[in-house]
Amino acid sequence: MDIQASFEPQTLKAYSKNEPYLVLSLKSSDGSAYYWCECDVSVKPPLSLAHDKELNTGRTKVGIVKPNGAISKRIRLFTMPNNFPDDYNVSITAYVYGEDGAIAERADRSVSVPCIE
């Protein structure tokens, strides 16, 4: 399973509220099996998974990946106005379950989004 992560927009604006999307993309190279995918997402302040409070960790269901198929999921992130110019990291742990319900693969990814003035 190929797991990619990106941001929309690709940069954040410093000293203001931002609401970027984290885009998770999963692609299967297995031509015969279906997989169920979910991801844990972890952020550190000033990023948050909630618009009105600090929420650092969450789990999202991505969905079912068909044989040789792909799926993507957009997750809204939020910042408070106390964000300074820096690179902010997001940690992703993807769990891929096979047809029998057991974990077929686990992958950890870390991506960062730059915050500029």
N, C-alpha and C. Protein backbone atom coordinates (compact mmCIF):
# COMPACT_ATOMS: atom_id res chain seq x y z
N MET A 1 0.85 -1.17 0.00
CA MET A 1 0.00 0.00 0.00
C MET A 1 0.90 1.24 0.00
N ASP A 2 0.65 2.13 -0.91
CA ASP A 2 1.40 3.39 -1.00
C ASP A 2 0.57 4.47 -0.32
N ILE A 3 1.15 5.13 0.68
CA ILE A 3 0.44 6.13 1.47
C ILE A 3 1.14 7.48 1.31
N GLN A 4 0.41 8.48 0.86
CA GLN A 4 0.94 9.82 0.66
C GLN A 4 0.09 10.83 1.45
N ALA A 5 0.70 11.94 1.82
CA ALA A 5 -0.01 13.01 2.52
C ALA A 5 0.45 14.35 1.95
N SER A 6 -0.51 15.26 1.80
CA SER A 6 -0.20 16.61 1.32
C SER A 6 -1.14 17.60 1.98
N PHE A 7 -0.92 18.88 1.71
CA PHE A 7 -1.74 19.93 2.31
C PHE A 7 -2.36 20.80 1.22
N GLU A 8 -3.56 21.28 1.49
CA GLU A 8 -4.25 22.26 0.64
C GLU A 8 -4.69 23.40 1.53
N PRO A 9 -4.18 24.59 1.41
CA PRO A 9 -3.06 25.05 0.59
C PRO A 9 -1.74 24.50 1.13
N GLN A 10 -0.69 24.69 0.38
CA GLN A 10 0.60 24.10 0.72
C GLN A 10 1.35 24.87 1.79
N THR A 11 0.91 26.10 2.12
CA THR A 11 1.53 26.89 3.18
C THR A 11 0.45 27.52 4.06
N LEU A 12 0.85 27.87 5.29
CA LEU A 12 -0.03 28.56 6.23
C LEU A 12 0.42 30.01 6.35
N LYS A 13 -0.51 30.89 6.72
CA LYS A 13 -0.17 32.29 6.95
C LYS A 13 0.07 32.50 8.44
N ALA A 14 1.16 33.14 8.75
CA ALA A 14 1.52 33.39 10.15
C ALA A 14 0.61 34.43 10.77
N TYR A 15 0.40 34.31 12.08
CA TYR A 15 -0.33 35.26 12.92
C TYR A 15 -1.81 35.38 12.53
N SER A 16 -2.37 34.37 11.93
CA SER A 16 -3.80 34.41 11.59
C SER A 16 -4.37 32.99 11.64
N LYS A 17 -5.68 32.91 11.72
CA LYS A 17 -6.33 31.59 11.71
C LYS A 17 -6.24 31.00 10.31
N ASN A 18 -5.95 29.71 10.26
CA ASN A 18 -5.88 28.97 9.00
C ASN A 18 -6.76 27.74 9.13
N GLU A 19 -7.28 27.28 8.00
CA GLU A 19 -8.06 26.05 7.97
C GLU A 19 -7.63 25.21 6.77
N PRO A 20 -6.41 24.67 6.81
CA PRO A 20 -5.94 23.86 5.69
C PRO A 20 -6.53 22.46 5.74
N TYR A 21 -6.43 21.76 4.64
CA TYR A 21 -6.81 20.35 4.57
C TYR A 21 -5.54 19.50 4.53
N LEU A 22 -5.56 18.42 5.28
CA LEU A 22 -4.57 17.36 5.15
C LEU A 22 -5.20 16.32 4.23
N VAL A 23 -4.57 16.04 3.11
CA VAL A 23 -5.11 15.09 2.14
C VAL A 23 -4.32 13.79 2.23
N LEU A 24 -5.02 12.72 2.64
CA LEU A 24 -4.42 11.39 2.71
C LEU A 24 -4.79 10.63 1.45
N SER A 25 -3.80 10.06 0.78
CA SER A 25 -4.03 9.28 -0.43
C SER A 25 -3.42 7.90 -0.26
N LEU A 26 -4.22 6.87 -0.51
CA LEU A 26 -3.76 5.49 -0.40
C LEU A 26 -3.99 4.79 -1.73
N LYS A 27 -2.98 4.04 -2.15
CA LYS A 27 -3.07 3.34 -3.43
C LYS A 27 -2.61 1.90 -3.23
N SER A 28 -3.43 0.97 -3.69
CA SER A 28 -3.12 -0.45 -3.56
C SER A 28 -2.46 -0.97 -4.82
N SER A 29 -1.44 -1.78 -4.64
CA SER A 29 -0.79 -2.44 -5.77
C SER A 29 -1.17 -3.91 -5.84
N ASP A 30 -2.02 -4.34 -4.92
CA ASP A 30 -2.50 -5.72 -4.90
C ASP A 30 -3.70 -5.85 -5.85
N GLY A 31 -3.61 -6.73 -6.79
CA GLY A 31 -4.66 -6.86 -7.80
C GLY A 31 -5.78 -7.80 -7.43
N SER A 32 -5.76 -8.35 -6.22
CA SER A 32 -6.77 -9.35 -5.91
C SER A 32 -7.53 -9.12 -4.60
N ALA A 33 -7.10 -8.21 -3.77
CA ALA A 33 -7.71 -8.08 -2.45
C ALA A 33 -8.27 -6.67 -2.21
N TYR A 34 -9.32 -6.63 -1.39
CA TYR A 34 -9.88 -5.38 -0.90
C TYR A 34 -9.26 -5.10 0.46
N TYR A 35 -9.07 -3.81 0.77
CA TYR A 35 -8.50 -3.42 2.06
C TYR A 35 -9.34 -2.30 2.66
N TRP A 36 -9.47 -2.34 3.99
CA TRP A 36 -10.13 -1.29 4.76
C TRP A 36 -9.03 -0.46 5.41
N CYS A 37 -9.11 0.86 5.31
CA CYS A 37 -8.05 1.73 5.82
C CYS A 37 -8.60 2.75 6.80
N GLU A 38 -7.83 2.99 7.86
CA GLU A 38 -8.09 4.10 8.77
C GLU A 38 -6.76 4.65 9.23
N CYS A 39 -6.78 5.90 9.68
CA CYS A 39 -5.53 6.58 10.04
C CYS A 39 -5.69 7.33 11.36
N ASP A 40 -4.63 7.29 12.17
CA ASP A 40 -4.50 8.15 13.34
C ASP A 40 -3.72 9.38 12.89
N VAL A 41 -4.20 10.55 13.28
CA VAL A 41 -3.55 11.81 12.94
C VAL A 41 -3.19 12.52 14.23
N SER A 42 -1.93 12.94 14.35
CA SER A 42 -1.46 13.65 15.54
C SER A 42 -0.83 14.97 15.12
N VAL A 43 -1.24 16.04 15.79
CA VAL A 43 -0.70 17.37 15.54
C VAL A 43 -0.26 17.97 16.87
N LYS A 44 0.53 19.02 16.79
CA LYS A 44 0.95 19.77 17.98
C LYS A 44 0.54 21.22 17.80
N PRO A 45 0.27 21.93 18.91
CA PRO A 45 -0.11 23.33 18.81
C PRO A 45 0.92 24.13 18.05
N PRO A 46 0.50 25.08 17.26
CA PRO A 46 -0.82 25.69 17.17
C PRO A 46 -1.80 24.96 16.24
N LEU A 47 -1.41 23.82 15.65
CA LEU A 47 -2.37 23.05 14.86
C LEU A 47 -3.34 22.32 15.79
N SER A 48 -4.55 22.13 15.30
CA SER A 48 -5.56 21.42 16.07
C SER A 48 -6.50 20.70 15.11
N LEU A 49 -7.12 19.65 15.59
CA LEU A 49 -8.14 18.93 14.82
C LEU A 49 -9.54 19.47 15.09
N ALA A 50 -9.66 20.42 16.01
CA ALA A 50 -10.95 21.06 16.32
C ALA A 50 -10.80 22.57 16.15
N HIS A 51 -11.86 23.22 15.75
CA HIS A 51 -11.79 24.66 15.46
C HIS A 51 -11.80 25.53 16.71
N ASP A 52 -12.32 25.01 17.82
CA ASP A 52 -12.52 25.86 18.99
C ASP A 52 -11.72 25.46 20.22
N LYS A 53 -10.93 24.39 20.12
CA LYS A 53 -10.13 23.95 21.27
C LYS A 53 -8.93 23.17 20.76
N GLU A 54 -8.03 22.86 21.68
CA GLU A 54 -6.85 22.09 21.33
C GLU A 54 -7.20 20.61 21.30
N LEU A 55 -7.10 20.01 20.14
CA LEU A 55 -7.34 18.58 19.97
C LEU A 55 -6.17 18.04 19.14
N ASN A 56 -5.33 17.23 19.80
CA ASN A 56 -4.07 16.84 19.19
C ASN A 56 -4.08 15.50 18.46
N THR A 57 -5.00 14.61 18.80
CA THR A 57 -5.01 13.29 18.21
C THR A 57 -6.42 12.89 17.82
N GLY A 58 -6.53 12.26 16.65
CA GLY A 58 -7.82 11.77 16.19
C GLY A 58 -7.64 10.61 15.24
N ARG A 59 -8.72 9.87 15.02
CA ARG A 59 -8.71 8.75 14.09
C ARG A 59 -9.78 9.00 13.04
N THR A 60 -9.45 8.73 11.79
CA THR A 60 -10.39 8.88 10.71
C THR A 60 -10.48 7.60 9.90
N LYS A 61 -11.67 7.28 9.48
CA LYS A 61 -11.88 6.15 8.59
C LYS A 61 -11.70 6.63 7.16
N VAL A 62 -10.78 6.03 6.43
CA VAL A 62 -10.51 6.44 5.06
C VAL A 62 -11.46 5.72 4.12
N GLY A 63 -11.62 4.42 4.28
CA GLY A 63 -12.56 3.67 3.46
C GLY A 63 -11.97 2.41 2.90
N ILE A 64 -12.64 1.86 1.90
CA ILE A 64 -12.25 0.60 1.28
C ILE A 64 -11.48 0.88 0.00
N VAL A 65 -10.33 0.24 -0.12
CA VAL A 65 -9.51 0.35 -1.32
C VAL A 65 -9.72 -0.92 -2.14
N LYS A 66 -10.15 -0.74 -3.38
CA LYS A 66 -10.39 -1.87 -4.27
C LYS A 66 -9.06 -2.40 -4.80
N PRO A 67 -9.06 -3.62 -5.37
CA PRO A 67 -7.82 -4.13 -5.96
C PRO A 67 -7.27 -3.17 -7.02
N ASN A 68 -5.99 -2.88 -6.93
CA ASN A 68 -5.31 -1.91 -7.80
C ASN A 68 -6.00 -0.55 -7.81
N GLY A 69 -6.68 -0.21 -6.74
CA GLY A 69 -7.42 1.05 -6.66
C GLY A 69 -6.74 2.07 -5.77
N ALA A 70 -7.38 3.21 -5.68
CA ALA A 70 -6.87 4.31 -4.85
C ALA A 70 -8.05 4.99 -4.17
N ILE A 71 -7.76 5.62 -3.04
CA ILE A 71 -8.77 6.37 -2.30
C ILE A 71 -8.06 7.54 -1.61
N SER A 72 -8.78 8.61 -1.41
CA SER A 72 -8.20 9.74 -0.68
C SER A 72 -9.24 10.31 0.28
N LYS A 73 -8.75 11.00 1.28
CA LYS A 73 -9.61 11.59 2.31
C LYS A 73 -9.01 12.92 2.70
N ARG A 74 -9.87 13.93 2.80
CA ARG A 74 -9.44 15.27 3.24
C ARG A 74 -9.85 15.46 4.69
N ILE A 75 -8.90 15.93 5.49
CA ILE A 75 -9.13 16.18 6.92
C ILE A 75 -8.85 17.64 7.18
N ARG A 76 -9.82 18.33 7.75
CA ARG A 76 -9.66 19.76 8.04
C ARG A 76 -8.80 19.92 9.29
N LEU A 77 -7.80 20.78 9.19
CA LEU A 77 -6.99 21.18 10.33
C LEU A 77 -7.26 22.64 10.63
N PHE A 78 -6.94 23.06 11.82
CA PHE A 78 -7.19 24.43 12.24
C PHE A 78 -5.96 24.97 12.96
N THR A 79 -5.77 26.29 12.88
CA THR A 79 -4.74 26.95 13.68
C THR A 79 -5.38 28.09 14.45
N MET A 80 -4.75 28.45 15.53
CA MET A 80 -5.14 29.64 16.27
C MET A 80 -4.26 30.79 15.76
N PRO A 81 -4.60 32.03 16.09
CA PRO A 81 -3.79 33.14 15.58
C PRO A 81 -2.40 33.25 16.20
N ASN A 82 -2.03 32.34 17.08
CA ASN A 82 -0.71 32.40 17.70
C ASN A 82 0.31 31.54 16.95
N ASN A 83 0.09 31.34 15.65
CA ASN A 83 1.05 30.55 14.88
C ASN A 83 2.15 31.47 14.34
N PHE A 84 3.38 31.05 14.53
CA PHE A 84 4.55 31.81 14.13
C PHE A 84 5.16 31.17 12.89
N PRO A 85 5.97 31.90 12.13
CA PRO A 85 6.64 31.30 10.97
C PRO A 85 7.52 30.12 11.41
N ASP A 86 7.21 28.96 10.89
CA ASP A 86 7.91 27.73 11.26
C ASP A 86 7.37 26.60 10.38
N ASP A 87 7.92 25.43 10.54
CA ASP A 87 7.37 24.22 9.91
C ASP A 87 6.65 23.43 10.98
N TYR A 88 5.41 23.08 10.73
CA TYR A 88 4.60 22.34 11.69
C TYR A 88 4.41 20.92 11.21
N ASN A 89 4.72 19.96 12.09
CA ASN A 89 4.67 18.54 11.73
C ASN A 89 3.31 17.92 12.04
N VAL A 90 2.93 17.00 11.19
CA VAL A 90 1.74 16.17 11.38
C VAL A 90 2.19 14.72 11.26
N SER A 91 1.85 13.91 12.26
CA SER A 91 2.20 12.49 12.24
C SER A 91 0.97 11.68 11.87
N ILE A 92 1.16 10.72 10.99
CA ILE A 92 0.07 9.89 10.50
C ILE A 92 0.46 8.43 10.68
N THR A 93 -0.42 7.65 11.27
CA THR A 93 -0.25 6.21 11.35
C THR A 93 -1.43 5.59 10.61
N ALA A 94 -1.13 4.88 9.52
CA ALA A 94 -2.17 4.26 8.70
C ALA A 94 -2.27 2.78 9.05
N TYR A 95 -3.50 2.32 9.22
CA TYR A 95 -3.77 0.91 9.47
C TYR A 95 -4.54 0.37 8.28
N VAL A 96 -4.02 -0.69 7.70
CA VAL A 96 -4.65 -1.31 6.53
C VAL A 96 -5.08 -2.71 6.95
N TYR A 97 -6.40 -2.96 6.88
CA TYR A 97 -6.96 -4.24 7.29
C TYR A 97 -7.30 -5.08 6.07
N GLY A 98 -6.98 -6.37 6.12
CA GLY A 98 -7.30 -7.28 5.05
C GLY A 98 -8.75 -7.76 5.13
N GLU A 99 -9.11 -8.64 4.22
CA GLU A 99 -10.48 -9.15 4.16
C GLU A 99 -10.87 -9.94 5.39
N ASP A 100 -9.88 -10.48 6.12
CA ASP A 100 -10.18 -11.25 7.32
C ASP A 100 -10.27 -10.36 8.57
N GLY A 101 -10.07 -9.06 8.43
CA GLY A 101 -10.18 -8.12 9.54
C GLY A 101 -8.91 -7.93 10.33
N ALA A 102 -7.85 -8.64 9.99
CA ALA A 102 -6.56 -8.49 10.67
C ALA A 102 -5.75 -7.38 9.99
N ILE A 103 -4.87 -6.76 10.76
CA ILE A 103 -4.04 -5.71 10.19
C ILE A 103 -3.07 -6.34 9.18
N ALA A 104 -3.19 -5.91 7.93
CA ALA A 104 -2.31 -6.39 6.88
C ALA A 104 -1.04 -5.54 6.79
N GLU A 105 -1.17 -4.26 7.15
CA GLU A 105 -0.03 -3.36 7.06
C GLU A 105 -0.26 -2.16 7.98
N ARG A 106 0.84 -1.67 8.53
CA ARG A 106 0.82 -0.44 9.32
C ARG A 106 1.96 0.43 8.80
N ALA A 107 1.66 1.70 8.60
CA ALA A 107 2.68 2.60 8.09
C ALA A 107 2.64 3.91 8.87
N ASP A 108 3.80 4.41 9.21
CA ASP A 108 3.92 5.70 9.89
C ASP A 108 4.53 6.71 8.94
N ARG A 109 3.91 7.89 8.88
CA ARG A 109 4.39 8.97 8.03
C ARG A 109 4.41 10.25 8.86
N SER A 110 5.34 11.11 8.52
CA SER A 110 5.38 12.43 9.12
C SER A 110 5.55 13.43 7.99
N VAL A 111 4.66 14.42 7.97
CA VAL A 111 4.73 15.46 6.96
C VAL A 111 4.72 16.81 7.68
N SER A 112 5.21 17.83 7.00
CA SER A 112 5.21 19.15 7.62
C SER A 112 4.64 20.17 6.65
N VAL A 113 4.03 21.18 7.23
CA VAL A 113 3.48 22.27 6.45
C VAL A 113 4.19 23.56 6.90
N PRO A 114 4.72 24.34 5.95
CA PRO A 114 5.41 25.57 6.35
C PRO A 114 4.42 26.70 6.65
N CYS A 115 4.76 27.49 7.63
CA CYS A 115 3.97 28.66 7.99
C CYS A 115 4.86 29.87 7.70
N ILE A 116 4.39 30.77 6.83
CA ILE A 116 5.20 31.90 6.40
C ILE A 116 4.48 33.21 6.65
N GLU A 117 5.23 34.31 6.67
CA GLU A 117 4.64 35.64 6.87
C GLU A 117 4.08 36.17 5.59
